[in-house]
PDB file of N, CA and C in Angstrom:
ATOM      1  N   MET A   1       0.836  -1.177   0.000  1.00  0.00           N
ATOM      2  CA  MET A   1       0.000   0.000   0.000  1.00  0.00           C
ATOM      3  C   MET A   1       0.881   1.240   0.000  1.00  0.00           C
ATOM      4  N   ASP A   2       0.603   2.154  -0.901  1.00  0.00           N
ATOM      5  CA  ASP A   2       1.332   3.420  -0.923  1.00  0.00           C
ATOM      6  C   ASP A   2       0.806   4.328   0.171  1.00  0.00           C
ATOM      7  N   ARG A   3       1.744   4.954   0.871  1.00  0.00           N
ATOM      8  CA  ARG A   3       1.365   5.910   1.914  1.00  0.00           C
ATOM      9  C   ARG A   3       1.493   7.314   1.351  1.00  0.00           C
ATOM     10  N   THR A   4       0.538   8.163   1.663  1.00  0.00           N
ATOM     11  CA  THR A   4       0.539   9.536   1.192  1.00  0.00           C
ATOM     12  C   THR A   4       1.393  10.391   2.123  1.00  0.00           C
ATOM     13  N   PRO A   5       2.447  11.028   1.598  1.00  0.00           N
ATOM     14  CA  PRO A   5       3.268  11.895   2.455  1.00  0.00           C
ATOM     15  C   PRO A   5       2.513  13.185   2.765  1.00  0.00           C
ATOM     16  N   ILE A   6       2.524  13.584   4.031  1.00  0.00           N
ATOM     17  CA  ILE A   6       1.839  14.813   4.438  1.00  0.00           C
ATOM     18  C   ILE A   6       2.693  15.614   5.412  1.00  0.00           C
ATOM     19  N   VAL A   7       2.438  16.910   5.446  1.00  0.00           N
ATOM     20  CA  VAL A   7       2.963  17.822   6.452  1.00  0.00           C
ATOM     21  C   VAL A   7       1.740  18.479   7.074  1.00  0.00           C
ATOM     22  N   ILE A   8       1.672  18.505   8.387  1.00  0.00           N
ATOM     23  CA  ILE A   8       0.545  19.129   9.084  1.00  0.00           C
ATOM     24  C   ILE A   8       1.015  20.441   9.691  1.00  0.00           C
ATOM     25  N   ASP A   9       0.272  21.504   9.414  1.00  0.00           N
ATOM     26  CA  ASP A   9       0.501  22.810  10.032  1.00  0.00           C
ATOM     27  C   ASP A   9      -0.704  23.083  10.923  1.00  0.00           C
ATOM     28  N   CYS A  10      -0.447  23.359  12.200  1.00  0.00           N
ATOM     29  CA  CYS A  10      -1.569  23.479  13.133  1.00  0.00           C
ATOM     30  C   CYS A  10      -1.226  24.410  14.287  1.00  0.00           C
ATOM     31  N   ASP A  11      -2.229  24.656  15.118  1.00  0.00           N
ATOM     32  CA  ASP A  11      -2.024  25.329  16.398  1.00  0.00           C
ATOM     33  C   ASP A  11      -2.665  24.429  17.454  1.00  0.00           C
ATOM     34  N   PRO A  12      -1.960  23.348  17.837  1.00  0.00           N
ATOM     35  CA  PRO A  12      -2.588  22.214  18.509  1.00  0.00           C
ATOM     36  C   PRO A  12      -3.263  22.509  19.837  1.00  0.00           C
ATOM     37  N   GLY A  13      -4.569  22.588  19.728  1.00  0.00           N
ATOM     38  CA  GLY A  13      -5.463  22.530  20.876  1.00  0.00           C
ATOM     39  C   GLY A  13      -6.103  21.156  20.836  1.00  0.00           C
ATOM     40  N   HIS A  14      -7.280  21.029  21.390  1.00  0.00           N
ATOM     41  CA  HIS A  14      -7.943  19.720  21.444  1.00  0.00           C
ATOM     42  C   HIS A  14      -8.197  19.132  20.061  1.00  0.00           C
ATOM     43  N   ASP A  15      -8.745  19.932  19.158  1.00  0.00           N
ATOM     44  CA  ASP A  15      -9.105  19.413  17.834  1.00  0.00           C
ATOM     45  C   ASP A  15      -7.881  18.985  17.033  1.00  0.00           C
ATOM     46  N   ASP A  16      -6.844  19.800  17.034  1.00  0.00           N
ATOM     47  CA  ASP A  16      -5.635  19.455  16.288  1.00  0.00           C
ATOM     48  C   ASP A  16      -4.890  18.291  16.941  1.00  0.00           C
ATOM     49  N   ALA A  17      -4.975  18.176  18.259  1.00  0.00           N
ATOM     50  CA  ALA A  17      -4.330  17.051  18.942  1.00  0.00           C
ATOM     51  C   ALA A  17      -4.957  15.735  18.477  1.00  0.00           C
ATOM     52  N   ILE A  18      -6.270  15.702  18.364  1.00  0.00           N
ATOM     53  CA  ILE A  18      -6.948  14.489  17.888  1.00  0.00           C
ATOM     54  C   ILE A  18      -6.560  14.207  16.438  1.00  0.00           C
ATOM     55  N   ALA A  19      -6.501  15.247  15.615  1.00  0.00           N
ATOM     56  CA  ALA A  19      -6.105  15.067  14.212  1.00  0.00           C
ATOM     57  C   ALA A  19      -4.688  14.501  14.119  1.00  0.00           C
ATOM     58  N   LEU A  20      -3.783  14.958  14.964  1.00  0.00           N
ATOM     59  CA  LEU A  20      -2.409  14.440  14.968  1.00  0.00           C
ATOM     60  C   LEU A  20      -2.368  12.974  15.378  1.00  0.00           C
ATOM     61  N   VAL A  21      -3.127  12.613  16.399  1.00  0.00           N
ATOM     62  CA  VAL A  21      -3.175  11.220  16.839  1.00  0.00           C
ATOM     63  C   VAL A  21      -3.679  10.335  15.701  1.00  0.00           C
ATOM     64  N   LEU A  22      -4.755  10.770  15.041  1.00  0.00           N
ATOM     65  CA  LEU A  22      -5.315   9.980  13.942  1.00  0.00           C
ATOM     66  C   LEU A  22      -4.353   9.890  12.761  1.00  0.00           C
ATOM     67  N   ALA A  23      -3.697  10.993  12.434  1.00  0.00           N
ATOM     68  CA  ALA A  23      -2.742  10.984  11.316  1.00  0.00           C
ATOM     69  C   ALA A  23      -1.575  10.048  11.608  1.00  0.00           C
ATOM     70  N   CYS A  24      -1.070  10.079  12.826  1.00  0.00           N
ATOM     71  CA  CYS A  24       0.058   9.206  13.184  1.00  0.00           C
ATOM     72  C   CYS A  24      -0.348   7.739  13.200  1.00  0.00           C
ATOM     73  N   ALA A  25      -1.600   7.454  13.499  1.00  0.00           N
ATOM     74  CA  ALA A  25      -2.069   6.072  13.563  1.00  0.00           C
ATOM     75  C   ALA A  25      -2.501   5.528  12.207  1.00  0.00           C
ATOM     76  N   SER A  26      -2.651   6.394  11.234  1.00  0.00           N
ATOM     77  CA  SER A  26      -3.163   5.961   9.939  1.00  0.00           C
ATOM     78  C   SER A  26      -2.097   5.224   9.132  1.00  0.00           C
ATOM     79  N   PRO A  27      -2.404   4.017   8.670  1.00  0.00           N
ATOM     80  CA  PRO A  27      -1.446   3.289   7.840  1.00  0.00           C
ATOM     81  C   PRO A  27      -1.334   3.856   6.422  1.00  0.00           C
ATOM     82  N   SER A  28      -2.241   4.745   6.045  1.00  0.00           N
ATOM     83  CA  SER A  28      -2.207   5.304   4.688  1.00  0.00           C
ATOM     84  C   SER A  28      -1.494   6.654   4.619  1.00  0.00           C
ATOM     85  N   LEU A  29      -1.068   7.187   5.769  1.00  0.00           N
ATOM     86  CA  LEU A  29      -0.388   8.486   5.788  1.00  0.00           C
ATOM     87  C   LEU A  29       1.052   8.333   6.244  1.00  0.00           C
ATOM     88  N   ASP A  30       1.928   9.125   5.646  1.00  0.00           N
ATOM     89  CA  ASP A  30       3.342   9.190   6.015  1.00  0.00           C
ATOM     90  C   ASP A  30       3.599  10.615   6.504  1.00  0.00           C
ATOM     91  N   LEU A  31       3.528  10.802   7.821  1.00  0.00           N
ATOM     92  CA  LEU A  31       3.695  12.133   8.398  1.00  0.00           C
ATOM     93  C   LEU A  31       5.155  12.539   8.316  1.00  0.00           C
ATOM     94  N   ARG A  32       5.454  13.484   7.445  1.00  0.00           N
ATOM     95  CA  ARG A  32       6.838  13.904   7.202  1.00  0.00           C
ATOM     96  C   ARG A  32       7.309  14.990   8.164  1.00  0.00           C
ATOM     97  N   ALA A  33       6.383  15.846   8.616  1.00  0.00           N
ATOM     98  CA  ALA A  33       6.745  16.931   9.529  1.00  0.00           C
ATOM     99  C   ALA A  33       5.472  17.563  10.077  1.00  0.00           C
ATOM    100  N   VAL A  34       5.623  18.263  11.195  1.00  0.00           N
ATOM    101  CA  VAL A  34       4.524  19.026  11.770  1.00  0.00           C
ATOM    102  C   VAL A  34       5.058  20.416  12.087  1.00  0.00           C
ATOM    103  N   THR A  35       4.316  21.421  11.673  1.00  0.00           N
ATOM    104  CA  THR A  35       4.681  22.800  11.985  1.00  0.00           C
ATOM    105  C   THR A  35       3.559  23.435  12.797  1.00  0.00           C
ATOM    106  N   VAL A  36       3.928  24.418  13.590  1.00  0.00           N
ATOM    107  CA  VAL A  36       2.938  25.128  14.403  1.00  0.00           C
ATOM    108  C   VAL A  36       3.011  26.617  14.125  1.00  0.00           C
ATOM    109  N   THR A  37       1.891  27.260  14.372  1.00  0.00           N
ATOM    110  CA  THR A  37       1.793  28.703  14.232  1.00  0.00           C
ATOM    111  C   THR A  37       1.067  29.266  15.436  1.00  0.00           C
ATOM    112  N   GLY A  38       1.127  30.578  15.582  1.00  0.00           N
ATOM    113  CA  GLY A  38       0.314  31.246  16.582  1.00  0.00           C
ATOM    114  C   GLY A  38      -1.101  31.359  16.045  1.00  0.00           C
ATOM    115  N   GLY A  39      -2.067  30.961  16.826  1.00  0.00           N
ATOM    116  CA  GLY A  39      -3.466  31.033  16.410  1.00  0.00           C
ATOM    117  C   GLY A  39      -4.298  31.538  17.571  1.00  0.00           C
ATOM    118  N   ASN A  40      -4.864  30.590  18.310  1.00  0.00           N
ATOM    119  CA  ASN A  40      -5.592  30.960  19.520  1.00  0.00           C
ATOM    120  C   ASN A  40      -4.661  31.107  20.718  1.00  0.00           C
ATOM    121  N   GLN A  41      -3.412  30.737  20.523  1.00  0.00           N
ATOM    122  CA  GLN A  41      -2.388  30.880  21.557  1.00  0.00           C
ATOM    123  C   GLN A  41      -1.087  31.315  20.903  1.00  0.00           C
ATOM    124  N   THR A  42      -0.095  31.616  21.714  1.00  0.00           N
ATOM    125  CA  THR A  42       1.203  32.006  21.182  1.00  0.00           C
ATOM    126  C   THR A  42       1.885  30.815  20.531  1.00  0.00           C
ATOM    127  N   VAL A  43       2.803  31.075  19.625  1.00  0.00           N
ATOM    128  CA  VAL A  43       3.505  29.991  18.945  1.00  0.00           C
ATOM    129  C   VAL A  43       4.335  29.173  19.937  1.00  0.00           C
ATOM    130  N   GLU A  44       4.836  29.792  20.985  1.00  0.00           N
ATOM    131  CA  GLU A  44       5.589  29.045  21.995  1.00  0.00           C
ATOM    132  C   GLU A  44       4.702  28.027  22.704  1.00  0.00           C
ATOM    133  N   LYS A  45       3.469  28.436  23.031  1.00  0.00           N
ATOM    134  CA  LYS A  45       2.551  27.514  23.714  1.00  0.00           C
ATOM    135  C   LYS A  45       2.088  26.418  22.764  1.00  0.00           C
ATOM    136  N   THR A  46       1.830  26.747  21.505  1.00  0.00           N
ATOM    137  CA  THR A  46       1.394  25.706  20.574  1.00  0.00           C
ATOM    138  C   THR A  46       2.516  24.698  20.316  1.00  0.00           C
ATOM    139  N   LEU A  47       3.759  25.162  20.276  1.00  0.00           N
ATOM    140  CA  LEU A  47       4.892  24.244  20.106  1.00  0.00           C
ATOM    141  C   LEU A  47       5.030  23.329  21.326  1.00  0.00           C
ATOM    142  N   ARG A  48       4.844  23.887  22.504  1.00  0.00           N
ATOM    143  CA  ARG A  48       4.894  23.081  23.730  1.00  0.00           C
ATOM    144  C   ARG A  48       3.774  22.026  23.717  1.00  0.00           C
ATOM    145  N   ASN A  49       2.561  22.447  23.307  1.00  0.00           N
ATOM    146  CA  ASN A  49       1.443  21.501  23.215  1.00  0.00           C
ATOM    147  C   ASN A  49       1.747  20.396  22.214  1.00  0.00           C
ATOM    148  N   LEU A  50       2.300  20.775  21.066  1.00  0.00           N
ATOM    149  CA  LEU A  50       2.636  19.802  20.031  1.00  0.00           C
ATOM    150  C   LEU A  50       3.621  18.766  20.569  1.00  0.00           C
ATOM    151  N   ARG A  51       4.666  19.221  21.230  1.00  0.00           N
ATOM    152  CA  ARG A  51       5.667  18.297  21.781  1.00  0.00           C
ATOM    153  C   ARG A  51       5.038  17.333  22.793  1.00  0.00           C
ATOM    154  N   LYS A  52       4.114  17.834  23.605  1.00  0.00           N
ATOM    155  CA  LYS A  52       3.450  16.977  24.586  1.00  0.00           C
ATOM    156  C   LYS A  52       2.602  15.912  23.909  1.00  0.00           C
ATOM    157  N   VAL A  53       1.819  16.308  22.914  1.00  0.00           N
ATOM    158  CA  VAL A  53       0.960  15.352  22.205  1.00  0.00           C
ATOM    159  C   VAL A  53       1.803  14.284  21.532  1.00  0.00           C
ATOM    160  N   LEU A  54       2.815  14.700  20.787  1.00  0.00           N
ATOM    161  CA  LEU A  54       3.642  13.735  20.059  1.00  0.00           C
ATOM    162  C   LEU A  54       4.411  12.824  21.014  1.00  0.00           C
ATOM    163  N   SER A  55       4.890  13.371  22.113  1.00  0.00           N
ATOM    164  CA  SER A  55       5.592  12.558  23.110  1.00  0.00           C
ATOM    165  C   SER A  55       4.653  11.518  23.708  1.00  0.00           C
ATOM    166  N   TYR A  56       3.429  11.910  23.985  1.00  0.00           N
ATOM    167  CA  TYR A  56       2.457  11.003  24.594  1.00  0.00           C
ATOM    168  C   TYR A  56       2.170   9.805  23.697  1.00  0.00           C
ATOM    169  N   ILE A  57       2.113  10.027  22.383  1.00  0.00           N
ATOM    170  CA  ILE A  57       1.801   8.923  21.466  1.00  0.00           C
ATOM    171  C   ILE A  57       3.056   8.273  20.879  1.00  0.00           C
ATOM    172  N   GLY A  58       4.228   8.773  21.257  1.00  0.00           N
ATOM    173  CA  GLY A  58       5.481   8.172  20.811  1.00  0.00           C
ATOM    174  C   GLY A  58       5.857   8.481  19.372  1.00  0.00           C
ATOM    175  N   ALA A  59       5.336   9.566  18.828  1.00  0.00           N
ATOM    176  CA  ALA A  59       5.656   9.964  17.452  1.00  0.00           C
ATOM    177  C   ALA A  59       6.832  10.938  17.468  1.00  0.00           C
ATOM    178  N   ARG A  60       7.694  10.847  16.430  1.00  0.00           N
ATOM    179  CA  ARG A  60       8.883  11.683  16.380  1.00  0.00           C
ATOM    180  C   ARG A  60       9.112  12.295  15.002  1.00  0.00           C
ATOM    181  N   PRO A  61       8.099  12.936  14.415  1.00  0.00           N
ATOM    182  CA  PRO A  61       8.347  13.594  13.130  1.00  0.00           C
ATOM    183  C   PRO A  61       9.155  14.879  13.352  1.00  0.00           C
ATOM    184  N   PRO A  62       9.820  15.377  12.324  1.00  0.00           N
ATOM    185  CA  PRO A  62      10.484  16.678  12.454  1.00  0.00           C
ATOM    186  C   PRO A  62       9.448  17.761  12.779  1.00  0.00           C
ATOM    187  N   LEU A  63       9.861  18.718  13.607  1.00  0.00           N
ATOM    188  CA  LEU A  63       8.967  19.805  14.010  1.00  0.00           C
ATOM    189  C   LEU A  63       9.483  21.124  13.476  1.00  0.00           C
ATOM    190  N   GLY A  64       8.568  22.032  13.204  1.00  0.00           N
ATOM    191  CA  GLY A  64       8.943  23.366  12.748  1.00  0.00           C
ATOM    192  C   GLY A  64       8.099  24.419  13.436  1.00  0.00           C
ATOM    193  N   LYS A  65       8.733  25.521  13.762  1.00  0.00           N
ATOM    194  CA  LYS A  65       8.050  26.656  14.386  1.00  0.00           C
ATOM    195  C   LYS A  65       7.808  27.694  13.306  1.00  0.00           C
ATOM    196  N   GLY A  66       6.541  28.013  13.077  1.00  0.00           N
ATOM    197  CA  GLY A  66       6.185  28.958  12.028  1.00  0.00           C
ATOM    198  C   GLY A  66       5.942  30.356  12.561  1.00  0.00           C
ATOM    199  N   ALA A  67       5.059  31.047  11.891  1.00  0.00           N
ATOM    200  CA  ALA A  67       4.757  32.447  12.205  1.00  0.00           C
ATOM    201  C   ALA A  67       4.199  32.594  13.616  1.00  0.00           C
ATOM    202  N   ASP A  68       4.538  33.692  14.240  1.00  0.00           N
ATOM    203  CA  ASP A  68       4.056  33.921  15.601  1.00  0.00           C
ATOM    204  C   ASP A  68       2.713  34.634  15.644  1.00  0.00           C
ATOM    205  N   LYS A  69       2.166  34.974  14.464  1.00  0.00           N
ATOM    206  CA  LYS A  69       0.844  35.614  14.412  1.00  0.00           C
ATOM    207  C   LYS A  69       0.255  35.413  13.024  1.00  0.00           C
ATOM    208  N   PRO A  70      -1.063  35.556  12.912  1.00  0.00           N
ATOM    209  CA  PRO A  70      -1.695  35.458  11.600  1.00  0.00           C
ATOM    210  C   PRO A  70      -1.166  36.523  10.639  1.00  0.00           C
ATOM    211  N   MET A  71      -1.245  36.231   9.342  1.00  0.00           N
ATOM    212  CA  MET A  71      -0.735  37.154   8.337  1.00  0.00           C
ATOM    213  C   MET A  71      -1.576  38.416   8.181  1.00  0.00           C
ATOM    214  N   LEU A  72      -2.881  38.294   8.357  1.00  0.00           N
ATOM    215  CA  LEU A  72      -3.768  39.398   8.007  1.00  0.00           C
ATOM    216  C   LEU A  72      -4.427  40.086   9.198  1.00  0.00           C
ATOM    217  N   ARG A  73      -4.072  39.707  10.397  1.00  0.00           N
ATOM    218  CA  ARG A  73      -4.619  40.362  11.585  1.00  0.00           C
ATOM    219  C   ARG A  73      -3.658  40.152  12.754  1.00  0.00           C
ATOM    220  N   GLY A  74      -3.943  40.799  13.845  1.00  0.00           N
ATOM    221  CA  GLY A  74      -3.108  40.619  15.021  1.00  0.00           C
ATOM    222  C   GLY A  74      -3.409  39.316  15.720  1.00  0.00           C
ATOM    223  N   LEU A  75      -2.519  38.888  16.586  1.00  0.00           N
ATOM    224  CA  LEU A  75      -2.714  37.672  17.382  1.00  0.00           C
ATOM    225  C   LEU A  75      -3.735  37.949  18.471  1.00  0.00           C
ATOM    226  N   GLU A  76      -4.754  37.104  18.549  1.00  0.00           N
ATOM    227  CA  GLU A  76      -5.781  37.215  19.607  1.00  0.00           C
ATOM    228  C   GLU A  76      -5.826  35.875  20.325  1.00  0.00           C
ATOM    229  N   THR A  77      -5.198  35.816  21.490  1.00  0.00           N
ATOM    230  CA  THR A  77      -5.138  34.544  22.215  1.00  0.00           C
ATOM    231  C   THR A  77      -6.382  34.365  23.071  1.00  0.00           C
ATOM    232  N   ALA A  78      -6.734  33.092  23.292  1.00  0.00           N
ATOM    233  CA  ALA A  78      -7.852  32.745  24.167  1.00  0.00           C
ATOM    234  C   ALA A  78      -7.352  32.763  25.603  1.00  0.00           C
ATOM    235  N   ALA A  79      -8.225  33.160  26.482  1.00  0.00           N
ATOM    236  CA  ALA A  79      -7.846  33.226  27.909  1.00  0.00           C
ATOM    237  C   ALA A  79      -7.708  31.835  28.488  1.00  0.00           C
TER     238      ALA A  79
END
């Protein structure tokens, strides 16, 4: 079976954490890297969340830290 290579860019909260778990468990996907951005939280917090999720499930794809804020508006973090 051919696996589809993918890169996931996210700001891992609950929804993205579940998507990462499913992507890592899928036999049809080849997770090549995961990048994070600032979205509902700062990029530092999303990177920390990403590392925790991946560590918990034992996944070790390359990680990348992206933009610290959206391109077209300011960063608005959730409390």
